[in-house]
Amino acid sequence: MKAESETVAPKQLKIGFVLARSFTLSAFALFVDTLRLASDESDRSGRVFADWQVLGSTRHLITSSCGVQVAPTSDFIDPGEFDYIVVVGGLLNTGQPIDDATIGYLKKSAGKKVPLIGVCTGTFILAEAGLMKNHRTCVSWLHYPAFRERFPDHEVRADRIFNLDRSRGSCAGGSSAADMAASIVRRHISKEAERNALDVLQIDKARTALDIQPRRPLSIECDDPRLRAVLITMENHIDSMIPIHDLAASVGLSRRQLERLFAKNGMSSPGHVYTRLRLERAKRLLIQTKAPLIEIAMEIGFENASHFGKLFRKTYGQTPAQLRAAVRA
């Protein structure tokens, strides 16, 4: 029998990190620091309730997108040792963000039922490896068009800050990495450990998976999360417009309720705002590219350049061709 004074050590939360080439340093730092501060009392940084390793096929330094380098702390040990493996991505224009050995390790981890999490563009890496199918993926609004283009058969959304189920997780990146880490700490360690981490990080309250990304299309200021979610969805579906009643249903409202919500926040109808978002996208394309007018019209969901031109002139007081000529002049 154990002596009465003898206590059983709590099971540690163990997380392995895979850092892609040109990974986002802030997302990694916020995630791992939330673990560090939750693992011990105050700011003593002891690995009491949690442990973490940066995994690598080699011990070569990994360069982040800002140039700061991080060294792996462990080889590819048995993935079953970890409660989660977190893949931190970064710049999308980086060729082969992880090597073949790392891809093999992630697939082995999935085979052993270890939950995999993609942070920032780490979701692209997991999807490229065929590990995000049949899972809802959360990405930043900034990367949403690229994800849809590369993985058209994957379910993806860009209104929430993170998503976490039993076997996969995805996170928009940036400060939401701390929110996701806090959620994991609360689940596996305690609410007290989460609070300790957030207090030291100067974060008043962790956001949940239901919180909306802080994106305001057309610079519209609004506090209602349902309205912000609809605006982000509109912005991400410029080329193939979603019916207004479907937009309303996505946030638990009827079409009429959504229209009243827009009016309450000093806006015109959802349809009119949707059109403004499309025309704003067209305006940027006219200024930033040399694409023919018909291509731009189709890019924002118009079937012909004539209708697009008339609506553009009515909104901005000049035709698309006149705007492009003025910019070049």
C-alpha atoms as a PDB file:
ATOM      1  CA  MET A   1       0.000   0.000   0.000  1.00  0.00           C
ATOM      2  CA  LYS A   2       1.081   3.596  -0.649  1.00  0.00           C
ATOM      3  CA  ALA A   3       1.814   5.842   2.280  1.00  0.00           C
ATOM      4  CA  GLU A   4      -0.849   8.422   2.964  1.00  0.00           C
ATOM      5  CA  SER A   5       1.614  11.221   2.258  1.00  0.00           C
ATOM      6  CA  GLU A   6       2.509   9.746  -1.143  1.00  0.00           C
ATOM      7  CA  THR A   7       0.653  11.404  -4.017  1.00  0.00           C
ATOM      8  CA  VAL A   8       0.190  10.293  -7.599  1.00  0.00           C
ATOM      9  CA  ALA A   9       1.724  12.688 -10.101  1.00  0.00           C
ATOM     10  CA  PRO A  10      -0.830  14.094 -12.561  1.00  0.00           C
ATOM     11  CA  LYS A  11      -0.646  12.938 -16.153  1.00  0.00           C
ATOM     12  CA  GLN A  12       1.203  15.531 -18.198  1.00  0.00           C
ATOM     13  CA  LEU A  13      -0.304  17.101 -21.262  1.00  0.00           C
ATOM     14  CA  LYS A  14       2.268  16.394 -23.983  1.00  0.00           C
ATOM     15  CA  ILE A  15       2.392  18.259 -27.280  1.00  0.00           C
ATOM     16  CA  GLY A  16       4.799  17.894 -30.181  1.00  0.00           C
ATOM     17  CA  PHE A  17       5.353  20.809 -32.562  1.00  0.00           C
ATOM     18  CA  VAL A  18       6.264  20.522 -36.236  1.00  0.00           C
ATOM     19  CA  LEU A  19       7.505  23.835 -37.613  1.00  0.00           C
ATOM     20  CA  ALA A  20       7.308  24.435 -41.355  1.00  0.00           C
ATOM     21  CA  ARG A  21       9.903  26.409 -43.248  1.00  0.00           C
ATOM     22  CA  SER A  22       8.996  30.120 -42.922  1.00  0.00           C
ATOM     23  CA  PHE A  23       6.597  29.331 -40.065  1.00  0.00           C
ATOM     24  CA  THR A  24       4.798  32.133 -38.226  1.00  0.00           C
ATOM     25  CA  LEU A  25       6.755  32.849 -35.063  1.00  0.00           C
ATOM     26  CA  SER A  26       3.953  34.666 -33.206  1.00  0.00           C
ATOM     27  CA  ALA A  27       1.491  31.771 -33.566  1.00  0.00           C
ATOM     28  CA  PHE A  28       4.061  29.236 -32.334  1.00  0.00           C
ATOM     29  CA  ALA A  29       5.202  31.457 -29.461  1.00  0.00           C
ATOM     30  CA  LEU A  30       1.683  32.154 -28.215  1.00  0.00           C
ATOM     31  CA  PHE A  31       0.727  28.491 -28.353  1.00  0.00           C
ATOM     32  CA  VAL A  32       3.811  27.187 -26.555  1.00  0.00           C
ATOM     33  CA  ASP A  33       3.880  30.014 -23.998  1.00  0.00           C
ATOM     34  CA  THR A  34       0.280  29.310 -23.037  1.00  0.00           C
ATOM     35  CA  LEU A  35       1.367  25.741 -22.316  1.00  0.00           C
ATOM     36  CA  ARG A  36       4.451  26.906 -20.417  1.00  0.00           C
ATOM     37  CA  LEU A  37       2.561  29.266 -18.170  1.00  0.00           C
ATOM     38  CA  ALA A  38      -0.233  26.751 -17.536  1.00  0.00           C
ATOM     39  CA  SER A  39       2.253  24.037 -16.640  1.00  0.00           C
ATOM     40  CA  ASP A  40       3.466  25.649 -13.414  1.00  0.00           C
ATOM     41  CA  GLU A  41       2.323  28.232 -10.902  1.00  0.00           C
ATOM     42  CA  SER A  42       3.087  31.922 -11.397  1.00  0.00           C
ATOM     43  CA  ASP A  43       5.923  32.296 -13.914  1.00  0.00           C
ATOM     44  CA  ARG A  44       8.309  29.520 -12.868  1.00  0.00           C
ATOM     45  CA  SER A  45       8.140  27.710 -16.237  1.00  0.00           C
ATOM     46  CA  GLY A  46       8.452  24.223 -14.769  1.00  0.00           C
ATOM     47  CA  ARG A  47       7.210  21.345 -16.875  1.00  0.00           C
ATOM     48  CA  VAL A  48       4.852  20.104 -14.191  1.00  0.00           C
ATOM     49  CA  PHE A  49       1.470  19.715 -15.864  1.00  0.00           C
ATOM     50  CA  ALA A  50       2.615  19.940 -19.490  1.00  0.00           C
ATOM     51  CA  ASP A  51       5.580  19.081 -21.653  1.00  0.00           C
ATOM     52  CA  TRP A  52       6.390  19.992 -25.232  1.00  0.00           C
ATOM     53  CA  GLN A  53       8.967  19.256 -27.902  1.00  0.00           C
ATOM     54  CA  VAL A  54       9.851  20.744 -31.274  1.00  0.00           C
ATOM     55  CA  LEU A  55      10.116  17.710 -33.547  1.00  0.00           C
ATOM     56  CA  GLY A  56      12.340  17.452 -36.602  1.00  0.00           C
ATOM     57  CA  SER A  57      13.754  14.941 -39.063  1.00  0.00           C
ATOM     58  CA  THR A  58      17.095  16.687 -38.479  1.00  0.00           C
ATOM     59  CA  ARG A  59      18.455  19.060 -35.842  1.00  0.00           C
ATOM     60  CA  HIS A  60      18.951  21.835 -38.414  1.00  0.00           C
ATOM     61  CA  LEU A  61      17.640  25.249 -37.449  1.00  0.00           C
ATOM     62  CA  ILE A  62      14.184  26.115 -38.807  1.00  0.00           C
ATOM     63  CA  THR A  63      13.827  29.697 -40.031  1.00  0.00           C
ATOM     64  CA  SER A  64      10.580  31.524 -39.351  1.00  0.00           C
ATOM     65  CA  SER A  65       8.980  34.046 -41.717  1.00  0.00           C
ATOM     66  CA  CYS A  66      10.554  36.905 -39.719  1.00  0.00           C
ATOM     67  CA  GLY A  67      14.035  35.362 -39.849  1.00  0.00           C
ATOM     68  CA  VAL A  68      14.271  34.116 -36.249  1.00  0.00           C
ATOM     69  CA  GLN A  69      15.455  30.504 -36.113  1.00  0.00           C
ATOM     70  CA  VAL A  70      14.317  27.692 -33.824  1.00  0.00           C
ATOM     71  CA  ALA A  71      16.158  24.414 -33.229  1.00  0.00           C
ATOM     72  CA  PRO A  72      14.287  21.091 -32.956  1.00  0.00           C
ATOM     73  CA  THR A  73      14.532  19.590 -29.482  1.00  0.00           C
ATOM     74  CA  SER A  74      13.627  16.015 -30.382  1.00  0.00           C
ATOM     75  CA  ASP A  75      13.814  13.470 -33.179  1.00  0.00           C
ATOM     76  CA  PHE A  76      10.670  11.784 -34.445  1.00  0.00           C
ATOM     77  CA  ILE A  77       9.882   9.683 -31.401  1.00  0.00           C
ATOM     78  CA  ASP A  78       6.787   7.496 -31.127  1.00  0.00           C
ATOM     79  CA  PRO A  79       3.850   9.845 -31.880  1.00  0.00           C
ATOM     80  CA  GLY A  80       1.801   7.896 -29.347  1.00  0.00           C
ATOM     81  CA  GLU A  81       3.803   9.740 -26.685  1.00  0.00           C
ATOM     82  CA  PHE A  82       1.877  12.929 -27.477  1.00  0.00           C
ATOM     83  CA  ASP A  83      -1.673  14.050 -26.819  1.00  0.00           C
ATOM     84  CA  TYR A  84      -1.494  16.360 -29.847  1.00  0.00           C
ATOM     85  CA  ILE A  85       0.888  17.127 -32.677  1.00  0.00           C
ATOM     86  CA  VAL A  86       0.695  20.748 -33.814  1.00  0.00           C
ATOM     87  CA  VAL A  87       1.863  21.777 -37.292  1.00  0.00           C
ATOM     88  CA  VAL A  88       2.707  25.485 -37.478  1.00  0.00           C
ATOM     89  CA  GLY A  89       2.705  26.872 -41.016  1.00  0.00           C
ATOM     90  CA  GLY A  90       3.626  30.246 -42.416  1.00  0.00           C
ATOM     91  CA  LEU A  91       4.271  31.731 -45.839  1.00  0.00           C
ATOM     92  CA  LEU A  92       2.318  29.985 -48.585  1.00  0.00           C
ATOM     93  CA  ASN A  93       4.916  30.706 -51.272  1.00  0.00           C
ATOM     94  CA  THR A  94       7.507  28.494 -49.563  1.00  0.00           C
ATOM     95  CA  GLY A  95       8.323  25.462 -51.689  1.00  0.00           C
ATOM     96  CA  GLN A  96       8.052  22.142 -49.811  1.00  0.00           C
ATOM     97  CA  PRO A  97       7.390  23.573 -46.336  1.00  0.00           C
ATOM     98  CA  ILE A  98       8.188  20.204 -44.722  1.00  0.00           C
ATOM     99  CA  ASP A  99      10.264  17.277 -46.003  1.00  0.00           C
ATOM    100  CA  ASP A 100       9.071  13.797 -46.940  1.00  0.00           C
ATOM    101  CA  ALA A 101      10.188  12.317 -43.630  1.00  0.00           C
ATOM    102  CA  THR A 102       7.989  14.799 -41.770  1.00  0.00           C
ATOM    103  CA  ILE A 103       5.010  14.031 -44.011  1.00  0.00           C
ATOM    104  CA  GLY A 104       5.524  10.352 -43.265  1.00  0.00           C
ATOM    105  CA  TYR A 105       5.629  11.063 -39.536  1.00  0.00           C
ATOM    106  CA  LEU A 106       2.355  13.003 -39.683  1.00  0.00           C
ATOM    107  CA  LYS A 107       0.675  10.154 -41.540  1.00  0.00           C
ATOM    108  CA  LYS A 108       2.028   7.693 -38.976  1.00  0.00           C
ATOM    109  CA  SER A 109       0.643   9.912 -36.215  1.00  0.00           C
ATOM    110  CA  ALA A 110      -2.776   9.960 -37.858  1.00  0.00           C
ATOM    111  CA  GLY A 111      -2.621   6.164 -38.147  1.00  0.00           C
ATOM    112  CA  LYS A 112      -2.048   5.982 -34.399  1.00  0.00           C
ATOM    113  CA  LYS A 113      -5.079   8.218 -33.795  1.00  0.00           C
ATOM    114  CA  VAL A 114      -3.001  11.087 -32.413  1.00  0.00           C
ATOM    115  CA  PRO A 115      -4.956  14.342 -32.892  1.00  0.00           C
ATOM    116  CA  LEU A 116      -3.328  16.649 -35.444  1.00  0.00           C
ATOM    117  CA  ILE A 117      -3.688  20.430 -35.343  1.00  0.00           C
ATOM    118  CA  GLY A 118      -2.879  22.867 -38.140  1.00  0.00           C
ATOM    119  CA  VAL A 119      -2.008  26.380 -36.972  1.00  0.00           C
ATOM    120  CA  CYS A 120      -1.966  29.248 -39.468  1.00  0.00           C
ATOM    121  CA  THR A 121      -1.194  27.600 -42.837  1.00  0.00           C
ATOM    122  CA  GLY A 122      -0.330  24.338 -41.103  1.00  0.00           C
ATOM    123  CA  THR A 123      -3.804  23.334 -42.275  1.00  0.00           C
ATOM    124  CA  PHE A 124      -2.539  23.486 -45.872  1.00  0.00           C
ATOM    125  CA  ILE A 125       0.263  21.074 -44.983  1.00  0.00           C
ATOM    126  CA  LEU A 126      -2.148  18.605 -43.389  1.00  0.00           C
ATOM    127  CA  ALA A 127      -4.595  18.905 -46.284  1.00  0.00           C
ATOM    128  CA  GLU A 128      -1.803  18.401 -48.835  1.00  0.00           C
ATOM    129  CA  ALA A 129      -0.905  15.187 -47.010  1.00  0.00           C
ATOM    130  CA  GLY A 130      -4.512  14.029 -47.273  1.00  0.00           C
ATOM    131  CA  LEU A 131      -5.089  14.376 -43.532  1.00  0.00           C
ATOM    132  CA  MET A 132      -7.914  16.948 -43.426  1.00  0.00           C
ATOM    133  CA  LYS A 133     -10.561  15.229 -45.534  1.00  0.00           C
ATOM    134  CA  ASN A 134     -13.906  14.805 -43.820  1.00  0.00           C
ATOM    135  CA  HIS A 135     -12.854  17.357 -41.197  1.00  0.00           C
ATOM    136  CA  ARG A 136     -14.020  20.956 -40.958  1.00  0.00           C
ATOM    137  CA  THR A 137     -11.052  23.243 -41.523  1.00  0.00           C
ATOM    138  CA  CYS A 138     -10.743  26.744 -40.093  1.00  0.00           C
ATOM    139  CA  VAL A 139      -8.400  29.165 -41.872  1.00  0.00           C
ATOM    140  CA  SER A 140      -7.745  32.879 -41.807  1.00  0.00           C
ATOM    141  CA  TRP A 141      -9.893  35.021 -44.104  1.00  0.00           C
ATOM    142  CA  LEU A 142      -6.597  35.978 -45.753  1.00  0.00           C
ATOM    143  CA  HIS A 143      -5.872  32.379 -46.805  1.00  0.00           C
ATOM    144  CA  TYR A 144      -9.428  31.265 -47.502  1.00  0.00           C
ATOM    145  CA  PRO A 145      -9.406  31.785 -51.309  1.00  0.00           C
ATOM    146  CA  ALA A 146      -6.126  29.892 -51.656  1.00  0.00           C
ATOM    147  CA  PHE A 147      -7.417  26.980 -49.575  1.00  0.00           C
ATOM    148  CA  ARG A 148     -10.621  26.727 -51.602  1.00  0.00           C
ATOM    149  CA  GLU A 149      -8.643  26.766 -54.826  1.00  0.00           C
ATOM    150  CA  ARG A 150      -6.160  24.104 -53.733  1.00  0.00           C
ATOM    151  CA  PHE A 151      -8.604  21.852 -51.883  1.00  0.00           C
ATOM    152  CA  PRO A 152     -12.051  22.322 -53.440  1.00  0.00           C
ATOM    153  CA  ASP A 153     -13.373  19.078 -51.936  1.00  0.00           C
ATOM    154  CA  HIS A 154     -12.579  20.116 -48.331  1.00  0.00           C
ATOM    155  CA  GLU A 155     -15.022  21.784 -45.959  1.00  0.00           C
ATOM    156  CA  VAL A 156     -13.510  25.112 -44.911  1.00  0.00           C
ATOM    157  CA  ARG A 157     -14.659  28.284 -43.190  1.00  0.00           C
ATOM    158  CA  ALA A 158     -13.014  31.621 -42.453  1.00  0.00           C
ATOM    159  CA  ASP A 159     -15.339  33.203 -39.935  1.00  0.00           C
ATOM    160  CA  ARG A 160     -14.346  31.307 -36.755  1.00  0.00           C
ATOM    161  CA  ILE A 161     -10.936  31.585 -35.037  1.00  0.00           C
ATOM    162  CA  PHE A 162     -10.377  27.866 -34.489  1.00  0.00           C
ATOM    163  CA  ASN A 163     -11.990  24.453 -34.637  1.00  0.00           C
ATOM    164  CA  LEU A 164     -11.126  21.391 -32.556  1.00  0.00           C
ATOM    165  CA  ASP A 165     -12.713  17.964 -32.623  1.00  0.00           C
ATOM    166  CA  ARG A 166     -11.453  14.620 -31.352  1.00  0.00           C
ATOM    167  CA  SER A 167      -8.924  13.936 -34.105  1.00  0.00           C
ATOM    168  CA  ARG A 168      -8.245  17.213 -35.938  1.00  0.00           C
ATOM    169  CA  GLY A 169      -7.887  20.861 -35.118  1.00  0.00           C
ATOM    170  CA  SER A 170      -7.308  23.982 -37.150  1.00  0.00           C
ATOM    171  CA  CYS A 171      -6.553  27.538 -36.160  1.00  0.00           C
ATOM    172  CA  ALA A 172      -6.567  30.803 -38.092  1.00  0.00           C
ATOM    173  CA  GLY A 173      -3.218  31.766 -36.569  1.00  0.00           C
ATOM    174  CA  GLY A 174      -2.037  34.942 -34.907  1.00  0.00           C
ATOM    175  CA  SER A 175      -3.458  35.579 -31.454  1.00  0.00           C
ATOM    176  CA  SER A 176      -6.056  32.814 -31.880  1.00  0.00           C
ATOM    177  CA  ALA A 177      -3.234  30.316 -31.275  1.00  0.00           C
ATOM    178  CA  ALA A 178      -3.364  31.336 -27.594  1.00  0.00           C
ATOM    179  CA  ASP A 179      -7.135  30.823 -27.549  1.00  0.00           C
ATOM    180  CA  MET A 180      -6.838  27.313 -28.958  1.00  0.00           C
ATOM    181  CA  ALA A 181      -4.015  26.449 -26.554  1.00  0.00           C
ATOM    182  CA  ALA A 182      -6.097  27.774 -23.651  1.00  0.00           C
ATOM    183  CA  SER A 183      -8.971  25.540 -24.711  1.00  0.00           C
ATOM    184  CA  ILE A 184      -6.658  22.507 -24.673  1.00  0.00           C
ATOM    185  CA  VAL A 185      -5.224  23.486 -21.275  1.00  0.00           C
ATOM    186  CA  ARG A 186      -8.711  23.841 -19.825  1.00  0.00           C
ATOM    187  CA  ARG A 187      -9.688  20.432 -21.204  1.00  0.00           C
ATOM    188  CA  HIS A 188      -6.594  18.513 -20.081  1.00  0.00           C
ATOM    189  CA  ILE A 189      -5.244  20.375 -17.040  1.00  0.00           C
ATOM    190  CA  SER A 190      -7.697  22.743 -15.330  1.00  0.00           C
ATOM    191  CA  LYS A 191      -9.477  26.064 -15.496  1.00  0.00           C
ATOM    192  CA  GLU A 192      -7.048  27.350 -12.871  1.00  0.00           C
ATOM    193  CA  ALA A 193      -4.064  26.521 -15.082  1.00  0.00           C
ATOM    194  CA  GLU A 194      -5.715  28.282 -18.001  1.00  0.00           C
ATOM    195  CA  ARG A 195      -6.392  31.358 -15.876  1.00  0.00           C
ATOM    196  CA  ASN A 196      -2.786  31.453 -14.674  1.00  0.00           C
ATOM    197  CA  ALA A 197      -1.505  31.409 -18.255  1.00  0.00           C
ATOM    198  CA  LEU A 198      -3.916  34.080 -19.455  1.00  0.00           C
ATOM    199  CA  ASP A 199      -3.188  36.364 -16.520  1.00  0.00           C
ATOM    200  CA  VAL A 200       0.553  36.322 -17.199  1.00  0.00           C
ATOM    201  CA  LEU A 201      -0.040  36.798 -20.937  1.00  0.00           C
ATOM    202  CA  GLN A 202      -2.227  39.843 -20.149  1.00  0.00           C
ATOM    203  CA  ILE A 203      -5.212  38.230 -21.854  1.00  0.00           C
ATOM    204  CA  ASP A 204      -8.464  39.091 -20.105  1.00  0.00           C
ATOM    205  CA  LYS A 205     -10.483  36.178 -21.455  1.00  0.00           C
ATOM    206  CA  ALA A 206      -9.838  33.371 -23.908  1.00  0.00           C
ATOM    207  CA  ARG A 207     -12.087  33.315 -26.942  1.00  0.00           C
ATOM    208  CA  THR A 208     -13.943  30.120 -27.837  1.00  0.00           C
ATOM    209  CA  ALA A 209     -14.318  28.205 -31.085  1.00  0.00           C
ATOM    210  CA  LEU A 210     -17.568  30.121 -31.639  1.00  0.00           C
ATOM    211  CA  ASP A 211     -15.876  33.527 -31.675  1.00  0.00           C
ATOM    212  CA  ILE A 212     -15.672  35.364 -34.990  1.00  0.00           C
ATOM    213  CA  GLN A 213     -12.461  36.427 -36.691  1.00  0.00           C
ATOM    214  CA  PRO A 214     -11.817  40.180 -36.294  1.00  0.00           C
ATOM    215  CA  ARG A 215     -12.348  41.019 -39.937  1.00  0.00           C
ATOM    216  CA  ARG A 216     -14.547  43.933 -41.043  1.00  0.00           C
ATOM    217  CA  PRO A 217     -15.193  44.016 -44.810  1.00  0.00           C
ATOM    218  CA  LEU A 218     -15.833  47.523 -46.154  1.00  0.00           C
ATOM    219  CA  SER A 219     -14.468  48.804 -42.820  1.00  0.00           C
ATOM    220  CA  ILE A 220     -17.900  48.274 -41.303  1.00  0.00           C
ATOM    221  CA  GLU A 221     -17.804  48.615 -37.537  1.00  0.00           C
ATOM    222  CA  CYS A 222     -20.177  46.216 -35.834  1.00  0.00           C
ATOM    223  CA  ASP A 223     -20.243  44.334 -32.562  1.00  0.00           C
ATOM    224  CA  ASP A 224     -22.798  41.660 -33.416  1.00  0.00           C
ATOM    225  CA  PRO A 225     -20.879  38.407 -34.137  1.00  0.00           C
ATOM    226  CA  ARG A 226     -23.639  37.137 -36.416  1.00  0.00           C
ATOM    227  CA  LEU A 227     -23.333  40.178 -38.624  1.00  0.00           C
ATOM    228  CA  ARG A 228     -19.540  39.923 -38.767  1.00  0.00           C
ATOM    229  CA  ALA A 229     -19.767  36.228 -39.653  1.00  0.00           C
ATOM    230  CA  VAL A 230     -22.139  36.983 -42.543  1.00  0.00           C
ATOM    231  CA  LEU A 231     -19.901  39.773 -43.851  1.00  0.00           C
ATOM    232  CA  ILE A 232     -16.853  37.511 -43.822  1.00  0.00           C
ATOM    233  CA  THR A 233     -18.787  34.762 -45.595  1.00  0.00           C
ATOM    234  CA  MET A 234     -19.922  37.269 -48.230  1.00  0.00           C
ATOM    235  CA  GLU A 235     -16.364  38.435 -48.780  1.00  0.00           C
ATOM    236  CA  ASN A 236     -15.170  34.856 -49.191  1.00  0.00           C
ATOM    237  CA  HIS A 237     -17.854  33.977 -51.728  1.00  0.00           C
ATOM    238  CA  ILE A 238     -17.601  36.801 -54.226  1.00  0.00           C
ATOM    239  CA  ASP A 239     -17.415  34.621 -57.345  1.00  0.00           C
ATOM    240  CA  SER A 240     -20.277  32.294 -56.414  1.00  0.00           C
ATOM    241  CA  MET A 241     -22.815  34.282 -54.443  1.00  0.00           C
ATOM    242  CA  ILE A 242     -24.567  32.529 -51.578  1.00  0.00           C
ATOM    243  CA  PRO A 243     -28.345  33.149 -51.430  1.00  0.00           C
ATOM    244  CA  ILE A 244     -29.322  35.582 -48.684  1.00  0.00           C
ATOM    245  CA  HIS A 245     -31.573  33.059 -46.948  1.00  0.00           C
ATOM    246  CA  ASP A 246     -28.620  30.627 -46.748  1.00  0.00           C
ATOM    247  CA  LEU A 247     -26.426  33.366 -45.260  1.00  0.00           C
ATOM    248  CA  ALA A 248     -29.116  34.020 -42.677  1.00  0.00           C
ATOM    249  CA  ALA A 249     -29.457  30.328 -41.864  1.00  0.00           C
ATOM    250  CA  SER A 250     -25.682  30.020 -41.343  1.00  0.00           C
ATOM    251  CA  VAL A 251     -26.009  32.254 -38.266  1.00  0.00           C
ATOM    252  CA  GLY A 252     -29.354  30.904 -37.076  1.00  0.00           C
ATOM    253  CA  LEU A 253     -31.580  33.652 -38.497  1.00  0.00           C
ATOM    254  CA  SER A 254     -34.361  33.941 -41.030  1.00  0.00           C
ATOM    255  CA  ARG A 255     -33.891  36.205 -44.040  1.00  0.00           C
ATOM    256  CA  ARG A 256     -36.169  38.813 -42.505  1.00  0.00           C
ATOM    257  CA  GLN A 257     -34.276  38.733 -39.203  1.00  0.00           C
ATOM    258  CA  LEU A 258     -30.985  39.199 -41.047  1.00  0.00           C
ATOM    259  CA  GLU A 259     -32.380  42.181 -42.943  1.00  0.00           C
ATOM    260  CA  ARG A 260     -33.491  43.760 -39.669  1.00  0.00           C
ATOM    261  CA  LEU A 261     -30.037  43.130 -38.207  1.00  0.00           C
ATOM    262  CA  PHE A 262     -28.409  44.950 -41.122  1.00  0.00           C
ATOM    263  CA  ALA A 263     -30.842  47.854 -40.743  1.00  0.00           C
ATOM    264  CA  LYS A 264     -30.243  48.006 -36.987  1.00  0.00           C
ATOM    265  CA  ASN A 265     -26.528  48.503 -37.660  1.00  0.00           C
ATOM    266  CA  GLY A 266     -27.146  51.347 -40.091  1.00  0.00           C
ATOM    267  CA  MET A 267     -26.615  49.378 -43.281  1.00  0.00           C
ATOM    268  CA  SER A 268     -28.670  48.854 -46.392  1.00  0.00           C
ATOM    269  CA  SER A 269     -30.017  45.462 -47.348  1.00  0.00           C
ATOM    270  CA  PRO A 270     -27.761  42.353 -47.273  1.00  0.00           C
ATOM    271  CA  GLY A 271     -28.054  42.122 -51.059  1.00  0.00           C
ATOM    272  CA  HIS A 272     -26.834  45.687 -51.535  1.00  0.00           C
ATOM    273  CA  VAL A 273     -23.904  45.185 -49.160  1.00  0.00           C
ATOM    274  CA  TYR A 274     -23.017  41.958 -50.969  1.00  0.00           C
ATOM    275  CA  THR A 275     -22.928  43.855 -54.269  1.00  0.00           C
ATOM    276  CA  ARG A 276     -20.689  46.538 -52.729  1.00  0.00           C
ATOM    277  CA  LEU A 277     -18.248  43.874 -51.603  1.00  0.00           C
ATOM    278  CA  ARG A 278     -18.142  42.445 -55.136  1.00  0.00           C
ATOM    279  CA  LEU A 279     -17.530  45.860 -56.675  1.00  0.00           C
ATOM    280  CA  GLU A 280     -14.804  46.666 -54.136  1.00  0.00           C
ATOM    281  CA  ARG A 281     -13.052  43.444 -55.154  1.00  0.00           C
ATOM    282  CA  ALA A 282     -13.388  44.455 -58.803  1.00  0.00           C
ATOM    283  CA  LYS A 283     -11.950  47.886 -58.057  1.00  0.00           C
ATOM    284  CA  ARG A 284      -8.856  46.315 -56.491  1.00  0.00           C
ATOM    285  CA  LEU A 285      -8.420  43.986 -59.451  1.00  0.00           C
ATOM    286  CA  LEU A 286      -8.689  46.891 -61.894  1.00  0.00           C
ATOM    287  CA  ILE A 287      -5.994  48.799 -60.045  1.00  0.00           C
ATOM    288  CA  GLN A 288      -3.649  45.935 -59.210  1.00  0.00           C
ATOM    289  CA  THR A 289      -3.859  43.703 -62.305  1.00  0.00           C
ATOM    290  CA  LYS A 290      -3.996  43.893 -66.087  1.00  0.00           C
ATOM    291  CA  ALA A 291      -6.783  41.338 -66.347  1.00  0.00           C
ATOM    292  CA  PRO A 292      -9.377  41.987 -69.113  1.00  0.00           C
ATOM    293  CA  LEU A 293     -12.676  43.456 -67.961  1.00  0.00           C
ATOM    294  CA  ILE A 294     -14.605  40.290 -68.840  1.00  0.00           C
ATOM    295  CA  GLU A 295     -12.304  38.227 -66.594  1.00  0.00           C
ATOM    296  CA  ILE A 296     -12.781  40.645 -63.716  1.00  0.00           C
ATOM    297  CA  ALA A 297     -16.542  40.606 -64.248  1.00  0.00           C
ATOM    298  CA  MET A 298     -16.597  36.808 -64.091  1.00  0.00           C
ATOM    299  CA  GLU A 299     -14.249  36.815 -61.104  1.00  0.00           C
ATOM    300  CA  ILE A 300     -16.831  38.692 -59.047  1.00  0.00           C
ATOM    301  CA  GLY A 301     -19.821  36.717 -60.270  1.00  0.00           C
ATOM    302  CA  PHE A 302     -21.145  38.714 -63.260  1.00  0.00           C
ATOM    303  CA  GLU A 303     -22.001  36.828 -66.443  1.00  0.00           C
ATOM    304  CA  ASN A 304     -21.100  39.688 -68.792  1.00  0.00           C
ATOM    305  CA  ALA A 305     -18.956  42.818 -68.790  1.00  0.00           C
ATOM    306  CA  SER A 306     -21.823  45.091 -69.829  1.00  0.00           C
ATOM    307  CA  HIS A 307     -23.908  44.589 -66.692  1.00  0.00           C
ATOM    308  CA  PHE A 308     -20.775  44.842 -64.557  1.00  0.00           C
ATOM    309  CA  GLY A 309     -19.757  48.104 -66.266  1.00  0.00           C
ATOM    310  CA  LYS A 310     -23.144  49.755 -65.786  1.00  0.00           C
ATOM    311  CA  LEU A 311     -23.318  48.867 -62.104  1.00  0.00           C
ATOM    312  CA  PHE A 312     -19.704  49.950 -61.546  1.00  0.00           C
ATOM    313  CA  ARG A 313     -20.352  53.345 -63.135  1.00  0.00           C
ATOM    314  CA  LYS A 314     -23.541  53.835 -61.114  1.00  0.00           C
ATOM    315  CA  THR A 315     -21.595  53.157 -57.908  1.00  0.00           C
ATOM    316  CA  TYR A 316     -18.300  54.973 -58.562  1.00  0.00           C
ATOM    317  CA  GLY A 317     -19.229  57.581 -61.176  1.00  0.00           C
ATOM    318  CA  GLN A 318     -16.917  56.186 -63.859  1.00  0.00           C
ATOM    319  CA  THR A 319     -16.590  53.050 -65.925  1.00  0.00           C
ATOM    320  CA  PRO A 320     -14.056  50.335 -65.085  1.00  0.00           C
ATOM    321  CA  ALA A 321     -11.988  51.364 -68.127  1.00  0.00           C
ATOM    322  CA  GLN A 322     -11.985  55.012 -67.041  1.00  0.00           C
ATOM    323  CA  LEU A 323     -10.821  54.089 -63.532  1.00  0.00           C
ATOM    324  CA  ARG A 324      -7.988  51.936 -64.871  1.00  0.00           C
ATOM    325  CA  ALA A 325      -6.890  54.679 -67.279  1.00  0.00           C
ATOM    326  CA  ALA A 326      -6.921  57.296 -64.507  1.00  0.00           C
ATOM    327  CA  VAL A 327      -4.792  55.112 -62.250  1.00  0.00           C
ATOM    328  CA  ARG A 328      -2.232  54.491 -64.998  1.00  0.00           C
ATOM    329  CA  ALA A 329      -2.105  58.167 -65.868  1.00  0.00           C
END
